[in-house]
Structures are given as structure tokens and as C-alpha cells.
């Protein structure tokens, strides 16, 4: 009978130890799940921040491209205007020379 009691007590202690290990294991699993959830949330935030940064960069690049094209058009118009003025000045000078030559021929 004494051996039976000792066996029961030993078994009870073993079950108690196993129950504590199981609880500790369950706690570790919960902790890992919490970390996984936090990691997933951090990943989603980083992905969202990356996507927003890409959109901003694309918008900035499009604006920059538009600004550059506008400046090109301004420069082109200025050069064309300067060329036209030079042509007109040369044409006026040539006409003045021709008029002078014609006066000299008369």
C-alpha cells in the first residue's frame, strides 16, 4: 500500500511538472504569435511607406519632366526670336545698302 501511495504521489508530481511545462510552452507559443503579428504589422507599415514614397517620387519626376520641357520651350522661343531679330536686322541692313547703291547709281 505504501508503494502504491508513493507511486501515486510520484505520478502526481510528474503530471504537475508536465502541466507546468505545457503552460510554459503555451506561453512561449503565444509570445511567438504576438511577435509574428507585430512583425506582420511592421512589414505592412513599411510596405505602405515604400509605396507612398514611390508615388511621391513618381509625381516629383513627372513635375520635374514637365518643368524641364517648359524651360526647353522658353529657350527655344527665345532663340527663335533672337534669330528672327538678327535676320530682320540683316535684311534691313542689306536693304539699306541696296538703297544706297541704287542712289549711287543714279
N, C-alpha and C. Protein backbone atom coordinates (compact mmCIF):
# COMPACT_ATOMS: atom_id res chain seq x y z
N UNK A 1 0.83 -1.19 0.00
CA UNK A 1 0.00 0.00 0.00
C UNK A 1 0.87 1.26 0.00
N UNK A 2 1.92 1.21 0.73
CA UNK A 2 2.85 2.34 0.83
C UNK A 2 3.51 2.59 -0.53
N UNK A 3 3.85 1.52 -1.20
CA UNK A 3 4.46 1.67 -2.53
C UNK A 3 3.44 2.27 -3.49
N UNK A 4 2.22 1.89 -3.37
CA UNK A 4 1.16 2.40 -4.23
C UNK A 4 0.99 3.90 -4.01
N UNK A 5 1.03 4.36 -2.76
CA UNK A 5 0.90 5.78 -2.43
C UNK A 5 2.09 6.55 -3.01
N UNK A 6 3.27 5.96 -2.87
CA UNK A 6 4.47 6.62 -3.38
C UNK A 6 4.40 6.73 -4.91
N UNK A 7 3.92 5.69 -5.55
CA UNK A 7 3.76 5.71 -7.00
C UNK A 7 2.74 6.76 -7.42
N UNK A 8 1.63 6.85 -6.69
CA UNK A 8 0.60 7.84 -7.00
C UNK A 8 1.16 9.24 -6.81
N UNK A 9 1.88 9.47 -5.72
CA UNK A 9 2.47 10.78 -5.46
C UNK A 9 3.51 11.12 -6.53
N UNK A 10 4.32 10.13 -6.89
CA UNK A 10 5.32 10.34 -7.93
C UNK A 10 4.66 10.68 -9.27
N UNK A 11 3.61 9.96 -9.58
CA UNK A 11 2.87 10.21 -10.82
C UNK A 11 2.22 11.59 -10.78
N UNK A 12 1.67 11.95 -9.64
CA UNK A 12 1.03 13.27 -9.48
C UNK A 12 2.07 14.37 -9.68
N UNK A 13 3.26 14.20 -9.09
CA UNK A 13 4.32 15.19 -9.26
C UNK A 13 4.74 15.29 -10.73
N UNK A 14 4.83 14.13 -11.40
CA UNK A 14 5.21 14.10 -12.81
C UNK A 14 4.15 14.82 -13.66
N UNK A 15 2.87 14.54 -13.38
CA UNK A 15 1.80 15.24 -14.10
C UNK A 15 1.84 16.74 -13.83
N UNK A 16 2.12 17.11 -12.60
CA UNK A 16 2.23 18.53 -12.23
C UNK A 16 3.37 19.19 -13.01
N UNK A 17 4.52 18.51 -13.07
CA UNK A 17 5.67 19.04 -13.81
C UNK A 17 5.34 19.17 -15.29
N UNK A 18 4.68 18.15 -15.85
CA UNK A 18 4.32 18.18 -17.25
C UNK A 18 3.30 19.29 -17.53
N UNK A 19 2.39 19.51 -16.60
CA UNK A 19 1.40 20.58 -16.76
C UNK A 19 2.09 21.95 -16.76
N UNK A 20 3.06 22.12 -15.86
CA UNK A 20 3.81 23.39 -15.82
C UNK A 20 4.60 23.60 -17.11
N UNK A 21 5.24 22.56 -17.61
CA UNK A 21 5.98 22.66 -18.87
C UNK A 21 5.04 23.00 -20.03
N UNK A 22 3.87 22.38 -20.01
CA UNK A 22 2.88 22.64 -21.05
C UNK A 22 2.43 24.10 -21.01
N UNK A 23 2.17 24.60 -19.81
CA UNK A 23 1.78 26.01 -19.66
C UNK A 23 2.90 26.93 -20.14
N UNK A 24 4.14 26.60 -19.79
CA UNK A 24 5.28 27.41 -20.23
C UNK A 24 5.39 27.36 -21.75
N UNK A 25 5.20 26.17 -22.30
CA UNK A 25 5.26 26.02 -23.75
C UNK A 25 4.15 26.82 -24.43
N UNK A 26 2.95 26.75 -23.88
CA UNK A 26 1.83 27.53 -24.43
C UNK A 26 2.12 29.02 -24.35
N UNK A 27 2.73 29.45 -23.26
CA UNK A 27 3.09 30.86 -23.12
C UNK A 27 4.10 31.27 -24.17
N UNK A 28 5.07 30.39 -24.43
CA UNK A 28 6.08 30.68 -25.46
C UNK A 28 5.43 30.76 -26.83
N UNK A 29 4.49 29.86 -27.10
CA UNK A 29 3.79 29.87 -28.38
C UNK A 29 3.00 31.18 -28.52
N UNK A 30 2.32 31.60 -27.49
CA UNK A 30 1.58 32.86 -27.53
C UNK A 30 2.52 34.04 -27.77
N UNK A 31 3.67 34.01 -27.11
CA UNK A 31 4.65 35.07 -27.29
C UNK A 31 5.13 35.11 -28.74
N UNK A 32 5.40 33.94 -29.32
CA UNK A 32 5.81 33.88 -30.72
C UNK A 32 4.71 34.38 -31.65
N UNK A 33 3.48 34.05 -31.34
CA UNK A 33 2.35 34.54 -32.16
C UNK A 33 2.27 36.06 -32.08
N UNK A 34 2.43 36.61 -30.88
CA UNK A 34 2.40 38.07 -30.72
C UNK A 34 3.53 38.72 -31.52
N UNK A 35 4.70 38.11 -31.47
CA UNK A 35 5.83 38.65 -32.23
C UNK A 35 5.56 38.56 -33.73
N UNK A 36 4.94 37.47 -34.16
CA UNK A 36 4.62 37.30 -35.58
C UNK A 36 3.62 38.37 -36.02
N UNK A 37 2.62 38.63 -35.20
CA UNK A 37 1.63 39.66 -35.52
C UNK A 37 2.30 41.03 -35.60
N UNK A 38 3.17 41.34 -34.63
CA UNK A 38 3.88 42.62 -34.63
C UNK A 38 4.78 42.74 -35.86
N UNK A 39 5.43 41.65 -36.20
CA UNK A 39 6.30 41.64 -37.38
C UNK A 39 5.49 41.88 -38.65
N UNK A 40 4.35 41.24 -38.76
CA UNK A 40 3.48 41.40 -39.92
C UNK A 40 2.99 42.85 -40.02
N UNK A 41 2.60 43.43 -38.89
CA UNK A 41 2.14 44.82 -38.89
C UNK A 41 3.26 45.77 -39.30
N UNK A 42 4.46 45.53 -38.79
CA UNK A 42 5.61 46.37 -39.15
C UNK A 42 5.90 46.25 -40.65
N UNK A 43 5.82 45.03 -41.17
CA UNK A 43 6.05 44.81 -42.60
C UNK A 43 5.01 45.56 -43.43
N UNK A 44 3.75 45.51 -43.01
CA UNK A 44 2.69 46.21 -43.74
C UNK A 44 2.92 47.72 -43.72
N UNK A 45 3.35 48.25 -42.58
CA UNK A 45 3.63 49.69 -42.48
C UNK A 45 4.80 50.07 -43.38
N UNK A 46 5.83 49.25 -43.39
CA UNK A 46 6.98 49.53 -44.25
C UNK A 46 6.60 49.47 -45.73
N UNK A 47 5.79 48.49 -46.08
CA UNK A 47 5.34 48.36 -47.46
C UNK A 47 4.51 49.58 -47.86
N UNK A 48 3.63 50.01 -46.97
CA UNK A 48 2.81 51.20 -47.25
C UNK A 48 3.69 52.44 -47.39
N UNK A 49 4.68 52.59 -46.51
CA UNK A 49 5.58 53.74 -46.59
C UNK A 49 6.38 53.71 -47.89
N UNK A 50 6.84 52.52 -48.29
CA UNK A 50 7.57 52.38 -49.55
C UNK A 50 6.69 52.77 -50.73
N UNK A 51 5.45 52.29 -50.74
CA UNK A 51 4.53 52.60 -51.84
C UNK A 51 4.26 54.10 -51.92
N UNK A 52 4.07 54.73 -50.76
CA UNK A 52 3.83 56.18 -50.74
C UNK A 52 5.06 56.93 -51.24
N UNK A 53 6.24 56.49 -50.83
CA UNK A 53 7.48 57.13 -51.28
C UNK A 53 7.65 56.99 -52.79
N UNK A 54 7.30 55.83 -53.33
CA UNK A 54 7.38 55.62 -54.78
C UNK A 54 6.41 56.54 -55.51
N UNK A 55 5.20 56.69 -54.98
CA UNK A 55 4.21 57.58 -55.61
C UNK A 55 4.72 59.02 -55.59
N UNK A 56 5.27 59.44 -54.46
CA UNK A 56 5.80 60.80 -54.35
C UNK A 56 6.96 61.00 -55.33
N UNK A 57 7.83 60.02 -55.43
CA UNK A 57 8.97 60.12 -56.34
C UNK A 57 8.49 60.19 -57.79
N UNK A 58 7.49 59.41 -58.13
CA UNK A 58 6.96 59.44 -59.50
C UNK A 58 6.30 60.78 -59.80
N UNK A 59 5.57 61.31 -58.83
CA UNK A 59 4.93 62.62 -59.02
C UNK A 59 6.00 63.71 -59.18
N UNK A 60 7.03 63.63 -58.36
CA UNK A 60 8.11 64.61 -58.43
C UNK A 60 8.83 64.52 -59.78
N UNK A 61 9.08 63.30 -60.24
CA UNK A 61 9.76 63.10 -61.52
C UNK A 61 8.90 63.63 -62.68
N UNK A 62 7.61 63.40 -62.60
CA UNK A 62 6.71 63.89 -63.65
C UNK A 62 6.69 65.42 -63.66
N UNK A 63 6.64 66.04 -62.48
CA UNK A 63 6.66 67.50 -62.40
C UNK A 63 7.98 68.04 -62.93
N UNK A 64 9.07 67.41 -62.54
CA UNK A 64 10.38 67.84 -63.00
C UNK A 64 10.48 67.74 -64.52
N UNK A 65 9.98 66.66 -65.07
CA UNK A 65 9.98 66.48 -66.53
C UNK A 65 9.17 67.58 -67.21
N UNK A 66 8.01 67.89 -66.65
CA UNK A 66 7.17 68.96 -67.20
C UNK A 66 7.87 70.31 -67.11
N UNK A 67 8.51 70.58 -65.97
CA UNK A 67 9.24 71.84 -65.79
C UNK A 67 10.40 71.96 -66.78
N UNK A 68 11.11 70.86 -66.98
CA UNK A 68 12.23 70.86 -67.93
C UNK A 68 11.73 71.13 -69.34
N UNK A 69 10.64 70.48 -69.71
CA UNK A 69 10.08 70.68 -71.05
C UNK A 69 9.62 72.14 -71.23
N UNK A 70 9.03 72.72 -70.20
CA UNK A 70 8.60 74.12 -70.27
C UNK A 70 9.81 75.04 -70.45
N UNK A 71 10.89 74.77 -69.74
CA UNK A 71 12.11 75.57 -69.88
C UNK A 71 12.70 75.42 -71.28
N UNK A 72 12.67 74.21 -71.81
CA UNK A 72 13.15 73.99 -73.19
C UNK A 72 12.37 74.84 -74.18
N UNK A 73 11.05 74.84 -74.01
CA UNK A 73 10.20 75.62 -74.91
C UNK A 73 10.50 77.11 -74.78
N UNK A 74 10.74 77.60 -73.56
CA UNK A 74 11.09 79.01 -73.38
C UNK A 74 12.41 79.34 -74.07
N UNK A 75 13.40 78.48 -73.89
CA UNK A 75 14.71 78.69 -74.51
C UNK A 75 14.58 78.67 -76.04
N UNK A 76 13.81 77.69 -76.53
CA UNK A 76 13.60 77.58 -77.98
C UNK A 76 12.94 78.85 -78.52
N UNK A 77 11.93 79.36 -77.83
CA UNK A 77 11.25 80.57 -78.26
C UNK A 77 12.20 81.76 -78.23
N UNK A 78 13.04 81.85 -77.19
CA UNK A 78 13.99 82.95 -77.08
C UNK A 78 15.01 82.90 -78.21
N UNK A 79 15.52 81.71 -78.51
CA UNK A 79 16.50 81.55 -79.59
C UNK A 79 15.85 81.89 -80.94
N UNK A 80 14.63 81.39 -81.16
CA UNK A 80 13.94 81.68 -82.41
C UNK A 80 13.70 83.19 -82.58
N UNK A 81 13.32 83.84 -81.47
CA UNK A 81 13.08 85.28 -81.52
C UNK A 81 14.38 86.02 -81.83
N UNK A 82 15.46 85.62 -81.18
CA UNK A 82 16.77 86.27 -81.42
C UNK A 82 17.21 86.05 -82.87
N UNK A 83 17.02 84.86 -83.39
CA UNK A 83 17.38 84.58 -84.79
C UNK A 83 16.54 85.42 -85.74
N UNK A 84 15.24 85.52 -85.47
CA UNK A 84 14.35 86.32 -86.31
C UNK A 84 14.76 87.79 -86.27
N UNK A 85 15.08 88.31 -85.07
CA UNK A 85 15.51 89.71 -84.96
C UNK A 85 16.82 89.93 -85.72
N UNK A 86 17.73 88.98 -85.61
CA UNK A 86 19.00 89.11 -86.33
C UNK A 86 18.78 89.08 -87.84
N UNK A 87 17.92 88.17 -88.28
CA UNK A 87 17.60 88.07 -89.71
C UNK A 87 16.98 89.39 -90.20
N UNK A 88 16.03 89.90 -89.42
CA UNK A 88 15.38 91.15 -89.81
C UNK A 88 16.38 92.31 -89.83
N UNK A 89 17.30 92.34 -88.85
CA UNK A 89 18.32 93.40 -88.82
C UNK A 89 19.24 93.28 -90.03
N UNK A 90 19.63 92.04 -90.37
CA UNK A 90 20.49 91.84 -91.54
C UNK A 90 19.75 92.22 -92.82
N UNK A 91 18.46 91.87 -92.88
CA UNK A 91 17.66 92.20 -94.06
C UNK A 91 17.53 93.72 -94.19
N UNK A 92 17.30 94.40 -93.06
CA UNK A 92 17.19 95.87 -93.09
C UNK A 92 18.51 96.49 -93.51
N UNK A 93 19.63 95.94 -92.99
CA UNK A 93 20.96 96.47 -93.36
C UNK A 93 21.21 96.24 -94.85
N UNK A 94 20.83 95.08 -95.34
CA UNK A 94 21.02 94.76 -96.76
C UNK A 94 20.17 95.69 -97.61
N UNK A 95 18.95 95.93 -97.22
CA UNK A 95 18.08 96.84 -97.97
C UNK A 95 18.64 98.26 -97.96
N UNK A 96 19.18 98.66 -96.80
CA UNK A 96 19.77 100.00 -96.71
C UNK A 96 20.97 100.10 -97.63
N UNK A 97 21.78 99.07 -97.66
CA UNK A 97 22.95 99.07 -98.56
C UNK A 97 22.50 99.12 -100.02
N UNK A 98 21.47 98.33 -100.35
CA UNK A 98 20.96 98.32 -101.72
C UNK A 98 20.40 99.69 -102.10
N UNK A 99 19.71 100.29 -101.16
CA UNK A 99 19.15 101.62 -101.43
C UNK A 99 20.28 102.62 -101.66
N UNK A 100 21.34 102.51 -100.91
CA UNK A 100 22.50 103.40 -101.05
C UNK A 100 23.18 103.16 -102.40
N UNK A 101 23.30 101.90 -102.77
CA UNK A 101 23.91 101.56 -104.05
C UNK A 101 23.05 102.10 -105.18
N UNK A 102 21.74 101.97 -105.07
CA UNK A 102 20.83 102.47 -106.09
C UNK A 102 20.95 103.99 -106.21
N UNK A 103 21.08 104.68 -105.09
CA UNK A 103 21.23 106.14 -105.11
C UNK A 103 22.55 106.52 -105.77
N UNK A 104 23.55 105.69 -105.51
CA UNK A 104 24.86 105.96 -106.09
C UNK A 104 24.87 105.72 -107.59
N UNK A 105 24.01 104.83 -108.05
CA UNK A 105 23.95 104.51 -109.47
C UNK A 105 23.17 105.58 -110.23
N UNK A 106 22.40 106.34 -109.62
CA UNK A 106 21.57 107.34 -110.31
C UNK A 106 22.31 108.55 -110.54
